[in-house]
Amino acid sequence: MPDPHLNRPEGNPADAPEARLERCEALLREIRDGITRAARESQYEELSLGRVAGGLAQLIAAGLLAMAVAEWALVGPTDTMYTRLAFAGVVQLMALTGFAAARGRNG
């Protein structure tokens, strides 16, 4: 199959080396812009309800754990300390469930 570029007349401005170079540069700019756009979009994760709920539950669990440790250090073992620890464990499981649900959606 003959090359279509060989059959063009020499005076065709679209076949000039400068025009071909400009087209190549424009194509390379488009490729670069697409790559930088994709890289920028991949840097940020989507905010989901599961992540927000998991983060809030994580904060509550950490607060309950801190209260239980402070009560143990200042007062000694009491029934409320064990209740706070148990509730902190339940809230921690809720946080993990929220994070797992958000991760399952994002892949």
C-alpha atoms as a PDB file:
ATOM      1  CA  MET A   1       0.000   0.000   0.000  1.00  0.00           C
ATOM      2  CA  PRO A   2       1.574   3.285  -1.033  1.00  0.00           C
ATOM      3  CA  ASP A   3       2.143   6.009   1.542  1.00  0.00           C
ATOM      4  CA  PRO A   4      -0.508   8.773   1.126  1.00  0.00           C
ATOM      5  CA  HIS A   5       2.007  11.397   2.188  1.00  0.00           C
ATOM      6  CA  LEU A   6       4.197  10.649  -0.852  1.00  0.00           C
ATOM      7  CA  ASN A   7       1.444  11.582  -3.329  1.00  0.00           C
ATOM      8  CA  ARG A   8       0.943  15.089  -1.951  1.00  0.00           C
ATOM      9  CA  PRO A   9       2.345  18.010  -3.884  1.00  0.00           C
ATOM     10  CA  GLU A  10       5.394  19.678  -2.378  1.00  0.00           C
ATOM     11  CA  GLY A  11       3.676  23.026  -2.050  1.00  0.00           C
ATOM     12  CA  ASN A  12       0.963  21.748   0.346  1.00  0.00           C
ATOM     13  CA  PRO A  13       1.218  23.878   3.525  1.00  0.00           C
ATOM     14  CA  ALA A  14      -0.360  21.145   5.699  1.00  0.00           C
ATOM     15  CA  ASP A  15       2.641  18.918   4.922  1.00  0.00           C
ATOM     16  CA  ALA A  16       5.256  21.525   5.876  1.00  0.00           C
ATOM     17  CA  PRO A  17       7.610  20.371   8.648  1.00  0.00           C
ATOM     18  CA  GLU A  18       6.628  23.332  10.815  1.00  0.00           C
ATOM     19  CA  ALA A  19       2.924  22.449  10.540  1.00  0.00           C
ATOM     20  CA  ARG A  20       3.596  18.813  11.403  1.00  0.00           C
ATOM     21  CA  LEU A  21       5.711  19.917  14.356  1.00  0.00           C
ATOM     22  CA  GLU A  22       2.936  22.222  15.607  1.00  0.00           C
ATOM     23  CA  ARG A  23       0.379  19.396  15.314  1.00  0.00           C
ATOM     24  CA  CYS A  24       2.688  17.062  17.261  1.00  0.00           C
ATOM     25  CA  GLU A  25       3.233  19.710  19.934  1.00  0.00           C
ATOM     26  CA  ALA A  26      -0.519  20.290  20.271  1.00  0.00           C
ATOM     27  CA  LEU A  27      -1.133  16.556  20.570  1.00  0.00           C
ATOM     28  CA  LEU A  28       1.594  16.209  23.197  1.00  0.00           C
ATOM     29  CA  ARG A  29       0.114  19.161  25.142  1.00  0.00           C
ATOM     30  CA  GLU A  30      -3.311  17.465  25.114  1.00  0.00           C
ATOM     31  CA  ILE A  31      -1.764  14.213  26.368  1.00  0.00           C
ATOM     32  CA  ARG A  32       0.144  16.054  29.111  1.00  0.00           C
ATOM     33  CA  ASP A  33      -2.982  17.941  30.197  1.00  0.00           C
ATOM     34  CA  GLY A  34      -4.960  14.685  30.334  1.00  0.00           C
ATOM     35  CA  ILE A  35      -2.292  12.993  32.437  1.00  0.00           C
ATOM     36  CA  THR A  36      -2.009  15.901  34.892  1.00  0.00           C
ATOM     37  CA  ARG A  37      -5.810  16.092  35.189  1.00  0.00           C
ATOM     38  CA  ALA A  38      -6.019  12.354  35.919  1.00  0.00           C
ATOM     39  CA  ALA A  39      -3.190  12.602  38.465  1.00  0.00           C
ATOM     40  CA  ARG A  40      -4.878  15.553  40.203  1.00  0.00           C
ATOM     41  CA  GLU A  41      -8.214  13.730  40.387  1.00  0.00           C
ATOM     42  CA  SER A  42      -6.601  10.579  41.792  1.00  0.00           C
ATOM     43  CA  GLN A  43      -4.974  12.527  44.647  1.00  0.00           C
ATOM     44  CA  TYR A  44      -8.276  13.282  46.357  1.00  0.00           C
ATOM     45  CA  GLU A  45     -10.637  10.636  47.635  1.00  0.00           C
ATOM     46  CA  GLU A  46     -14.355  11.117  47.539  1.00  0.00           C
ATOM     47  CA  LEU A  47     -15.954  12.060  50.835  1.00  0.00           C
ATOM     48  CA  SER A  48     -18.629   9.535  51.707  1.00  0.00           C
ATOM     49  CA  LEU A  49     -21.174   9.194  54.468  1.00  0.00           C
ATOM     50  CA  GLY A  50     -19.495   5.976  55.654  1.00  0.00           C
ATOM     51  CA  ARG A  51     -16.159   7.736  56.122  1.00  0.00           C
ATOM     52  CA  VAL A  52     -17.734  10.650  58.000  1.00  0.00           C
ATOM     53  CA  ALA A  53     -19.770   8.335  60.246  1.00  0.00           C
ATOM     54  CA  GLY A  54     -16.723   6.145  60.825  1.00  0.00           C
ATOM     55  CA  GLY A  55     -14.599   9.156  61.751  1.00  0.00           C
ATOM     56  CA  LEU A  56     -17.168  10.475  64.198  1.00  0.00           C
ATOM     57  CA  ALA A  57     -17.607   7.042  65.768  1.00  0.00           C
ATOM     58  CA  GLN A  58     -13.819   6.757  66.045  1.00  0.00           C
ATOM     59  CA  LEU A  59     -13.691  10.075  67.934  1.00  0.00           C
ATOM     60  CA  ILE A  60     -16.470   8.985  70.286  1.00  0.00           C
ATOM     61  CA  ALA A  61     -14.730   5.654  70.945  1.00  0.00           C
ATOM     62  CA  ALA A  62     -11.439   7.424  71.689  1.00  0.00           C
ATOM     63  CA  GLY A  63     -13.221   9.806  74.074  1.00  0.00           C
ATOM     64  CA  LEU A  64     -14.926   6.950  75.918  1.00  0.00           C
ATOM     65  CA  LEU A  65     -11.625   5.105  76.203  1.00  0.00           C
ATOM     66  CA  ALA A  66      -9.911   8.225  77.556  1.00  0.00           C
ATOM     67  CA  MET A  67     -12.703   8.719  80.104  1.00  0.00           C
ATOM     68  CA  ALA A  68     -12.438   5.098  81.234  1.00  0.00           C
ATOM     69  CA  VAL A  69      -8.653   5.311  81.628  1.00  0.00           C
ATOM     70  CA  ALA A  70      -8.936   8.618  83.505  1.00  0.00           C
ATOM     71  CA  GLU A  71     -11.545   7.115  85.818  1.00  0.00           C
ATOM     72  CA  TRP A  72      -9.346   4.059  86.430  1.00  0.00           C
ATOM     73  CA  ALA A  73      -6.309   6.268  87.155  1.00  0.00           C
ATOM     74  CA  LEU A  74      -8.139   8.685  89.471  1.00  0.00           C
ATOM     75  CA  VAL A  75     -10.829   6.604  91.166  1.00  0.00           C
ATOM     76  CA  GLY A  76      -9.960   2.983  90.599  1.00  0.00           C
ATOM     77  CA  PRO A  77     -11.971   0.223  88.893  1.00  0.00           C
ATOM     78  CA  THR A  78     -15.713   0.913  88.995  1.00  0.00           C
ATOM     79  CA  ASP A  79     -18.756  -0.415  87.201  1.00  0.00           C
ATOM     80  CA  THR A  80     -19.060   2.726  85.055  1.00  0.00           C
ATOM     81  CA  MET A  81     -15.495   2.263  83.827  1.00  0.00           C
ATOM     82  CA  TYR A  82     -16.312  -1.197  82.514  1.00  0.00           C
ATOM     83  CA  THR A  83     -19.507   0.100  80.943  1.00  0.00           C
ATOM     84  CA  ARG A  84     -17.579   2.872  79.165  1.00  0.00           C
ATOM     85  CA  LEU A  85     -14.996   0.359  77.935  1.00  0.00           C
ATOM     86  CA  ALA A  86     -17.704  -1.937  76.600  1.00  0.00           C
ATOM     87  CA  PHE A  87     -19.502   0.948  74.919  1.00  0.00           C
ATOM     88  CA  ALA A  88     -16.191   2.162  73.431  1.00  0.00           C
ATOM     89  CA  GLY A  89     -15.716  -1.300  71.928  1.00  0.00           C
ATOM     90  CA  VAL A  90     -19.181  -1.247  70.378  1.00  0.00           C
ATOM     91  CA  VAL A  91     -18.657   2.245  68.972  1.00  0.00           C
ATOM     92  CA  GLN A  92     -15.252   1.169  67.611  1.00  0.00           C
ATOM     93  CA  LEU A  93     -16.963  -1.680  65.744  1.00  0.00           C
ATOM     94  CA  MET A  94     -19.414   0.856  64.328  1.00  0.00           C
ATOM     95  CA  ALA A  95     -16.471   2.975  63.142  1.00  0.00           C
ATOM     96  CA  LEU A  96     -14.846  -0.013  61.456  1.00  0.00           C
ATOM     97  CA  THR A  97     -18.129  -0.879  59.775  1.00  0.00           C
ATOM     98  CA  GLY A  98     -18.435   2.672  58.431  1.00  0.00           C
ATOM     99  CA  PHE A  99     -14.881   2.614  57.087  1.00  0.00           C
ATOM    100  CA  ALA A 100     -15.393  -0.820  55.510  1.00  0.00           C
ATOM    101  CA  ALA A 101     -18.627   0.314  53.859  1.00  0.00           C
ATOM    102  CA  ALA A 102     -16.909   3.385  52.415  1.00  0.00           C
ATOM    103  CA  ARG A 103     -13.972   1.305  51.182  1.00  0.00           C
ATOM    104  CA  GLY A 104     -16.285  -1.245  49.553  1.00  0.00           C
ATOM    105  CA  ARG A 105     -17.938   1.472  47.467  1.00  0.00           C
ATOM    106  CA  ASN A 106     -14.692   3.090  46.344  1.00  0.00           C
ATOM    107  CA  GLY A 107     -13.062  -0.191  45.354  1.00  0.00           C
END
